[in-house]
């Protein structure tokens, strides 16, 4: 694809504030920004917070902080303003309502009153017949008057997109060329949920249009959604932007990058001592090669040479070992010893960090020399612990189960402090009918590498959520490798049990 030199080029990244800031978001932001800087356009940060149950201000702030730590700044967004706001979808509901009403009025969308039970039965029957699971169009048989009367009566309903029953959608994807998808494989997408909030598919099309986005650069998992989006552009009479779908980041086993197999939070890498410029460089290497083939390059150098013809469509492997190697090169080749010292001070060798650690250690110190080995686990990226030791006072299989429950509980915790952490452990012990002293040795070892350490709750508060969650997953991996992990069947059973005892588990 030819790189445009049009100054009106506008791109965006649109994360959801529902969890830890993901390296996948940074990856997409980097490629959007590199292209935009190349052509002198504008880069927009939009917050897709229509999932009100899971969205939070803390997660939104984490998105801002993580992208800024990486140097991926935006021209317009919720915190900097701009001419195309508001930039939070929750503040744009009136606009979505207007567009939904227009779609229903023109017959491009329709109310659907089907219950969850009916939809489940339809999908089960389709799967049994080896058909593509999709809505069967049941409510399309309602006349406009019938549907309107049911809506006016207050009956719960969603608004669905009307999809053709025959033929195929043919579209041009900027990296892959012509793509054809039969309409029989495209579901009658819900556009507005029963709670009145739009789904991603409606909101992103409406927002991209009104924010004048010219190039949608996103992950390849959205390719199959393009027919729905193009139907919406057609129904509204709008010209669609150009679509570029980047290859997904993958684990070393080629599966989609996930926190179960790799740390995925940007803050994990910050807390573990990686340099932001090395992380950005590595994310760029995932799908881009500079003309001179160099391995070390900055955002500015990537933007200067940026051309979509240099984007690789292979499945890029996010390998932490290679990132660590690249980070080491930055430390040795890009920074002087004085600059490394300054980075160390900015990381953890500073009054702010040490001020949290010294009160935890001072009651156990006999000499100043004791401080470093006693607190080393607080500045380590990972610690090692064998499965038998991890079990502590529990059976190994029970230890794996309890650690998994704790992982889920801590993924939901947004107010990360010693008291909140202590409350989770106490809740787990009470819920599982165990004593706190029975479960704590397992967590002391998982977090600190030792059964005798600094106060655990306060140590976890200092470590931060990303390193703590990573260590819990590492403990689970160690138990699994020793034959004490959760099978797929066991994990599914635990998920049901967890939901009954603790509420909905995090995604």
Protein backbone atom coordinates (compact mmCIF):
# COMPACT_ATOMS: atom_id res chain seq x y z
CA UNK A 1 0.00 0.00 0.00
CA UNK A 2 1.25 3.46 -0.84
CA UNK A 3 1.92 5.60 2.20
CA UNK A 4 -0.21 8.71 1.99
CA UNK A 5 1.35 12.15 2.33
CA UNK A 6 -2.04 13.70 3.01
CA UNK A 7 -1.91 15.80 6.20
CA UNK A 8 -5.52 14.84 6.91
CA UNK A 9 -4.56 11.24 7.74
CA UNK A 10 -6.03 10.32 11.14
CA UNK A 11 -5.53 7.07 13.03
CA UNK A 12 -6.64 5.85 16.42
CA UNK A 13 -6.15 3.24 19.10
CA UNK A 14 -9.21 2.40 21.19
CA UNK A 15 -8.50 0.26 24.28
CA UNK A 16 -11.06 -0.79 26.87
CA UNK A 17 -10.32 0.24 30.48
CA UNK A 18 -11.13 -3.20 31.89
CA UNK A 19 -7.85 -4.56 33.20
CA UNK A 20 -4.09 -4.22 33.08
CA UNK A 21 -2.62 -2.19 30.18
CA UNK A 22 -1.80 -4.84 27.57
CA UNK A 23 1.34 -5.00 25.43
CA UNK A 24 -1.02 -5.70 22.51
CA UNK A 25 -2.49 -2.21 22.95
CA UNK A 26 1.02 -0.75 22.93
CA UNK A 27 1.85 -2.77 19.79
CA UNK A 28 -1.18 -1.37 17.95
CA UNK A 29 -0.51 2.14 19.24
CA UNK A 30 3.09 1.94 18.00
CA UNK A 31 2.16 1.01 14.43
CA UNK A 32 -0.63 3.59 14.30
CA UNK A 33 1.73 6.25 15.62
CA UNK A 34 4.67 5.33 13.36
CA UNK A 35 2.48 5.55 10.24
CA UNK A 36 0.81 8.76 11.43
CA UNK A 37 4.11 10.47 12.20
CA UNK A 38 5.45 9.41 8.80
CA UNK A 39 2.66 11.24 6.97
CA UNK A 40 2.24 14.15 9.39
CA UNK A 41 -1.26 13.18 10.52
CA UNK A 42 -3.05 13.03 13.88
CA UNK A 43 -3.16 10.09 16.29
CA UNK A 44 -6.22 9.71 18.52
CA UNK A 45 -6.65 7.82 21.81
CA UNK A 46 -10.26 6.77 22.35
CA UNK A 47 -11.53 4.93 25.43
CA UNK A 48 -14.08 2.21 24.69
CA UNK A 49 -15.82 2.03 28.06
CA UNK A 50 -19.29 0.83 27.09
CA UNK A 51 -18.82 -2.25 29.30
CA UNK A 52 -19.79 -0.34 32.43
CA UNK A 53 -19.59 -3.36 34.73
CA UNK A 54 -15.89 -3.92 34.01
CA UNK A 55 -14.62 -0.44 33.11
CA UNK A 56 -12.83 1.59 35.76
CA UNK A 57 -11.07 4.92 36.19
CA UNK A 58 -8.01 3.08 37.54
CA UNK A 59 -7.72 1.03 34.34
CA UNK A 60 -8.15 4.14 32.20
CA UNK A 61 -5.36 5.90 34.09
CA UNK A 62 -3.19 2.80 33.67
CA UNK A 63 -3.67 3.03 29.89
CA UNK A 64 -2.55 6.66 29.91
CA UNK A 65 0.44 5.96 32.17
CA UNK A 66 1.62 2.86 30.30
CA UNK A 67 1.53 4.45 26.85
CA UNK A 68 3.27 7.58 28.12
CA UNK A 69 5.96 5.48 29.82
CA UNK A 70 6.64 3.96 26.40
CA UNK A 71 6.68 7.37 24.74
CA UNK A 72 3.58 6.63 22.62
CA UNK A 73 1.87 10.00 22.91
CA UNK A 74 -1.41 10.99 21.28
CA UNK A 75 -2.64 14.21 19.66
CA UNK A 76 -6.27 13.94 20.81
CA UNK A 77 -7.82 12.03 23.68
CA UNK A 78 -9.82 12.19 26.93
CA UNK A 79 -7.03 13.83 28.90
CA UNK A 80 -5.72 16.22 26.21
CA UNK A 81 -8.94 17.18 24.45
CA UNK A 82 -9.38 17.86 20.75
CA UNK A 83 -11.97 18.90 18.18
CA UNK A 84 -13.64 15.48 17.86
CA UNK A 85 -14.56 14.68 21.47
CA UNK A 86 -15.79 13.47 23.77
CA UNK A 87 -13.24 10.65 23.59
CA UNK A 88 -14.93 8.25 26.01
CA UNK A 89 -17.70 6.17 24.46
CA UNK A 90 -19.77 6.37 27.65
CA UNK A 91 -20.06 10.11 26.99
CA UNK A 92 -21.31 9.63 23.42
CA UNK A 93 -24.52 7.65 24.07
CA UNK A 94 -26.82 10.30 22.61
CA UNK A 95 -24.95 10.07 19.31
CA UNK A 96 -25.27 6.28 19.24
CA UNK A 97 -29.00 6.49 20.00
CA UNK A 98 -29.50 8.82 17.05
CA UNK A 99 -27.65 6.46 14.72
CA UNK A 100 -29.48 3.35 15.99
CA UNK A 101 -32.84 5.07 15.46
CA UNK A 102 -31.81 5.89 11.91
CA UNK A 103 -30.84 2.27 11.21
CA UNK A 104 -34.16 0.95 12.55
CA UNK A 105 -36.10 3.55 10.60
CA UNK A 106 -34.43 2.61 7.32
CA UNK A 107 -34.79 -1.14 7.96
CA UNK A 108 -31.03 -1.75 8.24
CA UNK A 109 -31.51 -2.88 11.86
CA UNK A 110 -34.41 -4.26 13.87
CA UNK A 111 -35.51 -4.95 17.48
CA UNK A 112 -34.98 -8.49 18.74
CA UNK A 113 -36.94 -9.78 21.76
CA UNK A 114 -35.53 -13.32 21.90
CA UNK A 115 -34.62 -14.64 25.32
CA UNK A 116 -31.17 -15.92 26.20
CA UNK A 117 -32.66 -19.41 26.55
CA UNK A 118 -34.07 -19.37 23.00
CA UNK A 119 -30.80 -18.07 21.55
CA UNK A 120 -28.89 -20.82 23.36
CA UNK A 121 -31.23 -23.50 21.95
CA UNK A 122 -30.86 -22.12 18.40
CA UNK A 123 -27.07 -22.13 18.59
CA UNK A 124 -26.94 -25.65 20.04
CA UNK A 125 -29.13 -26.93 17.19
CA UNK A 126 -26.97 -25.18 14.59
CA UNK A 127 -23.77 -26.62 16.06
CA UNK A 128 -25.34 -30.10 16.14
CA UNK A 129 -26.08 -29.68 12.41
CA UNK A 130 -22.50 -28.42 11.85
CA UNK A 131 -23.80 -25.01 10.79
CA UNK A 132 -22.19 -21.64 11.57
CA UNK A 133 -23.79 -20.46 14.84
CA UNK A 134 -25.68 -17.26 14.10
CA UNK A 135 -28.99 -15.59 14.87
CA UNK A 136 -31.79 -17.18 12.84
CA UNK A 137 -33.64 -13.94 12.08
CA UNK A 138 -36.69 -14.95 14.13
CA UNK A 139 -37.71 -11.36 15.00
CA UNK A 140 -37.40 -10.23 11.39
CA UNK A 141 -40.87 -11.72 10.90
CA UNK A 142 -42.38 -9.02 13.13
CA UNK A 143 -44.02 -6.10 11.37
CA UNK A 144 -42.79 -2.61 12.19
CA UNK A 145 -46.01 -1.94 14.10
CA UNK A 146 -45.72 -5.15 16.14
CA UNK A 147 -42.08 -4.49 17.01
CA UNK A 148 -42.81 -0.84 17.82
CA UNK A 149 -45.66 -1.75 20.16
CA UNK A 150 -43.48 -4.21 22.07
CA UNK A 151 -40.70 -1.64 22.37
CA UNK A 152 -43.19 1.00 23.58
CA UNK A 153 -44.53 -1.41 26.20
CA UNK A 154 -41.08 -1.58 27.75
CA UNK A 155 -40.30 -5.17 26.73
CA UNK A 156 -36.59 -5.97 27.00
CA UNK A 157 -34.90 -6.08 23.62
CA UNK A 158 -31.70 -5.54 21.68
CA UNK A 159 -31.19 -3.96 18.28
CA UNK A 160 -29.65 -6.24 15.63
CA UNK A 161 -28.03 -5.56 12.28
CA UNK A 162 -29.92 -6.99 9.31
CA UNK A 163 -27.54 -9.17 7.28
CA UNK A 164 -28.10 -10.44 3.71
CA UNK A 165 -29.02 -14.11 3.41
CA UNK A 166 -27.27 -14.80 0.11
CA UNK A 167 -24.05 -13.92 -1.68
CA UNK A 168 -20.83 -12.77 -0.15
CA UNK A 169 -19.11 -9.66 1.11
CA UNK A 170 -16.13 -8.66 -1.02
CA UNK A 171 -13.72 -6.08 0.34
CA UNK A 172 -10.19 -4.83 -0.02
CA UNK A 173 -7.84 -5.17 2.94
CA UNK A 174 -4.78 -2.98 2.51
CA UNK A 175 -2.20 -5.66 3.41
CA UNK A 176 -3.96 -8.79 2.16
CA UNK A 177 -5.80 -7.61 -0.94
CA UNK A 178 -9.26 -8.88 -1.83
CA UNK A 179 -11.09 -10.92 0.82
CA UNK A 180 -14.42 -12.70 0.34
CA UNK A 181 -16.67 -13.80 3.22
CA UNK A 182 -20.07 -15.44 2.56
CA UNK A 183 -22.95 -13.62 4.24
CA UNK A 184 -24.09 -16.99 5.58
CA UNK A 185 -21.10 -16.84 7.95
CA UNK A 186 -21.98 -13.37 9.28
CA UNK A 187 -24.19 -13.09 12.37
CA UNK A 188 -27.01 -10.58 12.80
CA UNK A 189 -24.82 -8.55 15.14
CA UNK A 190 -26.30 -6.96 18.24
CA UNK A 191 -25.71 -3.20 17.83
CA UNK A 192 -27.36 -1.95 21.00
CA UNK A 193 -27.63 -4.06 24.14
CA UNK A 194 -30.73 -4.31 26.32
CA UNK A 195 -29.11 -1.89 28.81
CA UNK A 196 -29.06 0.81 26.13
CA UNK A 197 -25.30 0.74 25.60
CA UNK A 198 -23.88 0.13 22.12
CA UNK A 199 -21.71 -2.85 21.28
CA UNK A 200 -18.20 -2.43 19.94
CA UNK A 201 -19.36 -2.92 16.37
CA UNK A 202 -21.76 0.02 16.30
CA UNK A 203 -19.75 2.39 18.48
CA UNK A 204 -16.45 1.92 16.68
CA UNK A 205 -17.99 2.56 13.24
CA UNK A 206 -19.89 5.64 14.44
CA UNK A 207 -16.87 7.00 16.30
CA UNK A 208 -14.44 6.37 13.46
CA UNK A 209 -16.75 8.27 11.12
CA UNK A 210 -17.38 11.28 13.34
CA UNK A 211 -13.74 11.42 14.46
CA UNK A 212 -12.78 11.41 10.75
CA UNK A 213 -10.50 8.39 11.08
CA UNK A 214 -8.97 7.67 7.68
CA UNK A 215 -7.01 4.48 8.47
CA UNK A 216 -8.16 1.79 10.91
CA UNK A 217 -5.04 -0.13 11.94
CA UNK A 218 -5.97 -2.97 14.29
CA UNK A 219 -5.42 -6.68 14.97
CA UNK A 220 -6.19 -9.37 12.42
CA UNK A 221 -8.82 -10.89 14.72
CA UNK A 222 -11.17 -8.14 13.50
CA UNK A 223 -10.91 -9.13 9.82
CA UNK A 224 -13.97 -11.38 10.01
CA UNK A 225 -15.98 -8.51 11.53
CA UNK A 226 -15.39 -6.26 8.54
CA UNK A 227 -18.56 -7.37 6.67
CA UNK A 228 -20.69 -6.12 9.60
CA UNK A 229 -18.80 -2.85 9.72
CA UNK A 230 -19.02 -2.33 5.97
CA UNK A 231 -22.77 -2.99 6.11
CA UNK A 232 -23.04 -0.20 8.67
CA UNK A 233 -21.01 2.22 6.55
CA UNK A 234 -23.26 1.38 3.61
CA UNK A 235 -26.46 1.78 5.66
CA UNK A 236 -25.34 5.20 6.90
CA UNK A 237 -24.15 6.29 3.46
CA UNK A 238 -20.62 6.91 4.76
CA UNK A 239 -17.32 6.28 3.01
CA UNK A 240 -15.39 3.67 5.00
CA UNK A 241 -11.76 4.25 6.02
CA UNK A 242 -8.90 2.08 4.81
CA UNK A 243 -8.50 -1.10 6.86
CA UNK A 244 -5.13 -2.54 7.88
CA UNK A 245 -5.07 -5.66 10.08
CA UNK A 246 -1.77 -6.40 11.78
CA UNK A 247 -0.73 -9.94 12.69
CA UNK A 248 -1.47 -10.94 16.28
CA UNK A 249 1.30 -11.29 18.83
CA UNK A 250 1.77 -14.94 19.77
CA UNK A 251 3.27 -17.04 22.54
CA UNK A 252 6.31 -19.21 21.69
CA UNK A 253 3.89 -22.14 21.13
CA UNK A 254 2.16 -20.04 18.40
CA UNK A 255 -1.01 -19.56 20.47
CA UNK A 256 -2.45 -16.06 20.83
CA UNK A 257 -0.45 -14.02 23.34
CA UNK A 258 -2.02 -14.45 26.77
CA UNK A 259 -1.13 -13.67 30.36
CA UNK A 260 -1.36 -17.39 31.17
CA UNK A 261 1.83 -18.05 29.21
CA UNK A 262 3.59 -14.66 29.08
CA UNK A 263 3.45 -11.49 31.14
CA UNK A 264 1.21 -9.21 29.06
CA UNK A 265 0.90 -6.10 31.23
CA UNK A 266 3.08 -3.17 30.18
CA UNK A 267 3.68 -2.43 33.85
CA UNK A 268 5.16 -5.88 34.41
CA UNK A 269 8.03 -4.90 32.12
CA UNK A 270 8.36 -1.51 33.78
CA UNK A 271 8.49 -3.06 37.26
CA UNK A 272 10.81 -5.85 36.12
CA UNK A 273 13.44 -3.33 35.01
CA UNK A 274 13.04 -3.18 31.24
CA UNK A 275 13.77 0.05 29.39
CA UNK A 276 10.77 1.62 27.63
CA UNK A 277 12.73 2.21 24.44
CA UNK A 278 13.75 -1.47 24.36
CA UNK A 279 10.13 -2.58 24.76
CA UNK A 280 9.03 -0.23 21.94
CA UNK A 281 11.90 -1.47 19.75
CA UNK A 282 10.90 -5.08 20.39
CA UNK A 283 7.22 -4.44 19.62
CA UNK A 284 8.28 -2.80 16.37
CA UNK A 285 10.40 -5.85 15.47
CA UNK A 286 7.30 -8.01 15.82
CA UNK A 287 6.03 -7.06 12.37
CA UNK A 288 8.37 -4.48 10.86
CA UNK A 289 11.87 -4.45 9.37
CA UNK A 290 13.87 -1.32 8.67
CA UNK A 291 15.38 -0.99 5.17
CA UNK A 292 18.92 -1.49 6.53
CA UNK A 293 17.81 -4.54 8.60
CA UNK A 294 19.14 -3.09 11.86
CA UNK A 295 17.79 -4.61 15.07
CA UNK A 296 18.06 -1.57 17.33
CA UNK A 297 15.81 1.31 16.31
CA UNK A 298 13.75 4.03 17.94
CA UNK A 299 10.15 5.08 17.35
CA UNK A 300 11.44 8.07 15.42
CA UNK A 301 13.60 5.85 13.17
CA UNK A 302 10.71 3.46 12.61
CA UNK A 303 8.41 6.36 11.69
CA UNK A 304 10.98 7.90 9.35
CA UNK A 305 11.20 4.73 7.26
CA UNK A 306 7.64 3.51 7.74
CA UNK A 307 6.05 1.77 4.79
CA UNK A 308 3.29 -0.83 4.99
CA UNK A 309 5.07 -2.89 2.35
CA UNK A 310 7.65 -3.66 5.06
CA UNK A 311 5.05 -5.09 7.46
CA UNK A 312 5.32 -8.87 7.82
CA UNK A 313 2.09 -10.87 7.97
CA UNK A 314 3.62 -13.85 9.77
CA UNK A 315 2.61 -14.68 13.34
CA UNK A 316 5.12 -12.69 15.42
CA UNK A 317 6.41 -14.56 18.48
CA UNK A 318 6.60 -12.47 21.66
CA UNK A 319 9.58 -14.11 23.34
CA UNK A 320 10.51 -12.61 26.72
CA UNK A 321 13.97 -14.16 26.47
CA UNK A 322 14.66 -12.24 23.24
CA UNK A 323 13.24 -9.05 24.74
CA UNK A 324 15.62 -9.47 27.69
CA UNK A 325 18.52 -9.91 25.23
CA UNK A 326 17.48 -6.75 23.38
CA UNK A 327 17.13 -4.85 26.64
CA UNK A 328 20.67 -5.91 27.57
CA UNK A 329 21.96 -4.50 24.29
CA UNK A 330 20.32 -1.17 25.08
CA UNK A 331 21.96 -1.08 28.51
CA UNK A 332 25.40 -1.87 27.07
CA UNK A 333 25.30 -0.11 23.69
CA UNK A 334 22.92 2.81 24.06
CA UNK A 335 23.57 4.06 27.60
CA UNK A 336 26.69 5.21 29.41
CA UNK A 337 27.39 3.92 32.95
CA UNK A 338 26.17 7.24 34.34
CA UNK A 339 22.95 6.93 32.34
CA UNK A 340 22.46 3.36 33.58
CA UNK A 341 22.88 4.65 37.13
CA UNK A 342 20.20 7.27 36.52
CA UNK A 343 17.86 4.61 35.13
CA UNK A 344 18.47 2.46 38.23
CA UNK A 345 17.59 5.41 40.44
CA UNK A 346 14.44 6.06 38.46
CA UNK A 347 13.50 2.38 38.65
CA UNK A 348 13.90 1.28 42.28
CA UNK A 349 17.10 2.66 43.77
CA UNK A 350 15.37 5.78 45.00
CA UNK A 351 14.00 7.20 48.23
CA UNK A 352 10.39 6.49 47.26
CA UNK A 353 10.90 2.76 46.77
CA UNK A 354 13.43 2.25 49.55
CA UNK A 355 11.24 4.27 51.87
CA UNK A 356 8.57 1.57 51.49
CA UNK A 357 11.02 -1.30 51.94
CA UNK A 358 13.14 -0.19 54.91
CA UNK A 359 10.23 -0.21 57.43
CA UNK A 360 9.49 -3.81 56.42
CA UNK A 361 13.11 -4.91 56.83
CA UNK A 362 14.40 -2.91 59.80
CA UNK A 363 12.92 -5.20 62.49
CA UNK A 364 14.85 -8.12 60.99
CA UNK A 365 18.19 -6.41 60.31
CA UNK A 366 21.29 -7.18 62.35
CA UNK A 367 23.72 -5.45 59.99
CA UNK A 368 23.24 -3.21 56.98
CA UNK A 369 24.68 -6.03 54.88
CA UNK A 370 21.56 -8.05 55.63
CA UNK A 371 19.38 -5.60 53.74
CA UNK A 372 20.22 -6.58 50.15
CA UNK A 373 19.71 -10.37 50.42
CA UNK A 374 16.64 -9.93 52.64
CA UNK A 375 14.89 -7.63 50.17
CA UNK A 376 16.26 -8.91 46.85
CA UNK A 377 12.94 -10.57 45.95
CA UNK A 378 11.34 -7.10 45.84
CA UNK A 379 13.51 -6.06 42.91
CA UNK A 380 13.66 -9.40 41.08
CA UNK A 381 11.61 -9.99 37.94
CA UNK A 382 10.97 -13.62 38.85
CA UNK A 383 11.79 -16.01 41.69
CA UNK A 384 12.17 -19.79 41.66
CA UNK A 385 10.25 -22.24 43.82
CA UNK A 386 9.86 -26.01 43.47
CA UNK A 387 6.46 -27.66 43.50
CA UNK A 388 6.92 -29.71 46.66
CA UNK A 389 7.96 -26.66 48.66
CA UNK A 390 5.13 -24.61 47.15
CA UNK A 391 2.56 -27.02 48.52
CA UNK A 392 3.50 -25.98 52.05
CA UNK A 393 0.88 -27.28 54.48
CA UNK A 394 -1.49 -28.23 51.66
CA UNK A 395 -1.65 -31.16 49.29
CA UNK A 396 0.02 -30.11 45.99
CA UNK A 397 -3.25 -30.36 44.02
CA UNK A 398 -5.05 -28.28 46.67
CA UNK A 399 -2.22 -25.72 46.58
CA UNK A 400 -2.68 -25.34 42.80
CA UNK A 401 -6.39 -24.85 43.30
CA UNK A 402 -5.93 -22.19 46.01
CA UNK A 403 -3.27 -20.33 44.02
CA UNK A 404 -5.59 -20.23 40.99
CA UNK A 405 -8.40 -18.82 43.11
CA UNK A 406 -5.99 -16.20 44.47
CA UNK A 407 -4.87 -15.29 40.96
CA UNK A 408 -8.47 -14.62 39.94
CA UNK A 409 -9.15 -12.65 43.10
CA UNK A 410 -6.08 -10.47 42.67
CA UNK A 411 -6.88 -9.82 39.01
CA UNK A 412 -10.08 -8.15 40.19
CA UNK A 413 -8.32 -6.03 42.82
CA UNK A 414 -7.83 -2.44 41.70
CA UNK A 415 -7.08 -0.76 45.06
CA UNK A 416 -3.70 -2.43 45.55
CA UNK A 417 -2.58 -2.02 49.17
CA UNK A 418 -1.65 -4.16 52.15
CA UNK A 419 -5.08 -4.05 53.78
CA UNK A 420 -6.92 -5.01 50.59
CA UNK A 421 -4.42 -7.82 49.93
CA UNK A 422 -4.82 -9.14 53.48
CA UNK A 423 -8.60 -9.06 53.10
CA UNK A 424 -8.40 -11.28 50.01
CA UNK A 425 -6.28 -13.90 51.76
CA UNK A 426 -8.62 -13.91 54.75
CA UNK A 427 -11.62 -14.23 52.45
CA UNK A 428 -10.06 -17.18 50.62
CA UNK A 429 -9.23 -18.96 53.89
CA UNK A 430 -12.75 -18.46 55.25
CA UNK A 431 -14.47 -19.40 51.99
CA UNK A 432 -12.38 -22.56 51.60
CA UNK A 433 -12.83 -23.48 55.28
CA UNK A 434 -9.10 -23.31 55.92
CA UNK A 435 -7.00 -21.47 58.45
CA UNK A 436 -4.87 -18.57 57.25
CA UNK A 437 -1.74 -20.28 58.57
CA UNK A 438 -2.51 -23.27 56.34
CA UNK A 439 -2.43 -21.32 53.09
CA UNK A 440 0.17 -18.64 53.81
CA UNK A 441 3.35 -20.78 53.45
CA UNK A 442 2.36 -21.47 49.83
CA UNK A 443 2.03 -17.77 49.09
CA UNK A 444 5.16 -16.76 50.99
CA UNK A 445 7.11 -19.13 48.74
CA UNK A 446 5.29 -18.13 45.55
CA UNK A 447 5.88 -14.41 46.12
CA UNK A 448 9.24 -14.24 47.92
CA UNK A 449 10.87 -17.60 47.21
CA UNK A 450 11.12 -18.33 50.93
CA UNK A 451 8.80 -19.48 53.71
CA UNK A 452 10.44 -16.93 56.03
CA UNK A 453 10.40 -13.43 54.63
CA UNK A 454 9.29 -9.84 55.13
CA UNK A 455 5.59 -9.28 55.96
CA UNK A 456 3.80 -10.74 52.95
CA UNK A 457 0.85 -8.36 52.52
CA UNK A 458 3.02 -5.25 52.70
CA UNK A 459 5.67 -6.85 50.47
CA UNK A 460 3.04 -7.57 47.84
CA UNK A 461 1.88 -3.97 48.06
CA UNK A 462 5.45 -2.83 47.34
CA UNK A 463 5.95 -5.34 44.52
CA UNK A 464 2.81 -4.18 42.77
CA UNK A 465 0.04 -6.17 41.07
CA UNK A 466 1.87 -7.13 37.89
CA UNK A 467 4.88 -8.79 39.48
CA UNK A 468 2.67 -10.49 42.09
CA UNK A 469 0.27 -11.92 39.53
CA UNK A 470 3.18 -13.07 37.40
CA UNK A 471 4.66 -14.93 40.38
CA UNK A 472 1.36 -16.65 41.13
CA UNK A 473 1.20 -17.83 37.51
CA UNK A 474 4.80 -19.03 37.74
CA UNK A 475 3.92 -20.99 40.87
CA UNK A 476 0.99 -22.58 39.04
CA UNK A 477 3.30 -23.49 36.18
CA UNK A 478 5.75 -25.14 38.59
CA UNK A 479 2.95 -27.16 40.19
CA UNK A 480 1.65 -28.15 36.76
CA UNK A 481 5.08 -29.28 35.55
CA UNK A 482 5.32 -31.50 38.63
CA UNK A 483 2.01 -33.13 37.76
CA UNK A 484 -0.11 -31.22 40.28
CA UNK A 485 -1.74 -28.68 37.99
CA UNK A 486 -5.37 -28.26 37.03
CA UNK A 487 -6.58 -30.29 34.07
CA UNK A 488 -8.94 -28.66 31.55
CA UNK A 489 -11.82 -30.49 33.20
CA UNK A 490 -10.62 -29.51 36.66
CA UNK A 491 -10.21 -25.87 35.63
CA UNK A 492 -13.73 -25.77 34.22
CA UNK A 493 -15.12 -27.25 37.44
CA UNK A 494 -13.13 -24.73 39.48
CA UNK A 495 -14.49 -21.86 37.38
CA UNK A 496 -18.06 -22.87 38.22
CA UNK A 497 -17.19 -23.28 41.88
CA UNK A 498 -15.41 -19.93 41.93
CA UNK A 499 -18.38 -18.16 40.38
CA UNK A 500 -20.69 -19.63 43.03
CA UNK A 501 -18.40 -18.70 45.92
CA UNK A 502 -16.68 -15.49 44.81
CA UNK A 503 -18.73 -14.05 41.96
CA UNK A 504 -17.81 -13.57 38.31
CA UNK A 505 -14.19 -14.32 37.50
CA UNK A 506 -12.08 -11.87 35.48
CA UNK A 507 -11.59 -12.47 31.74
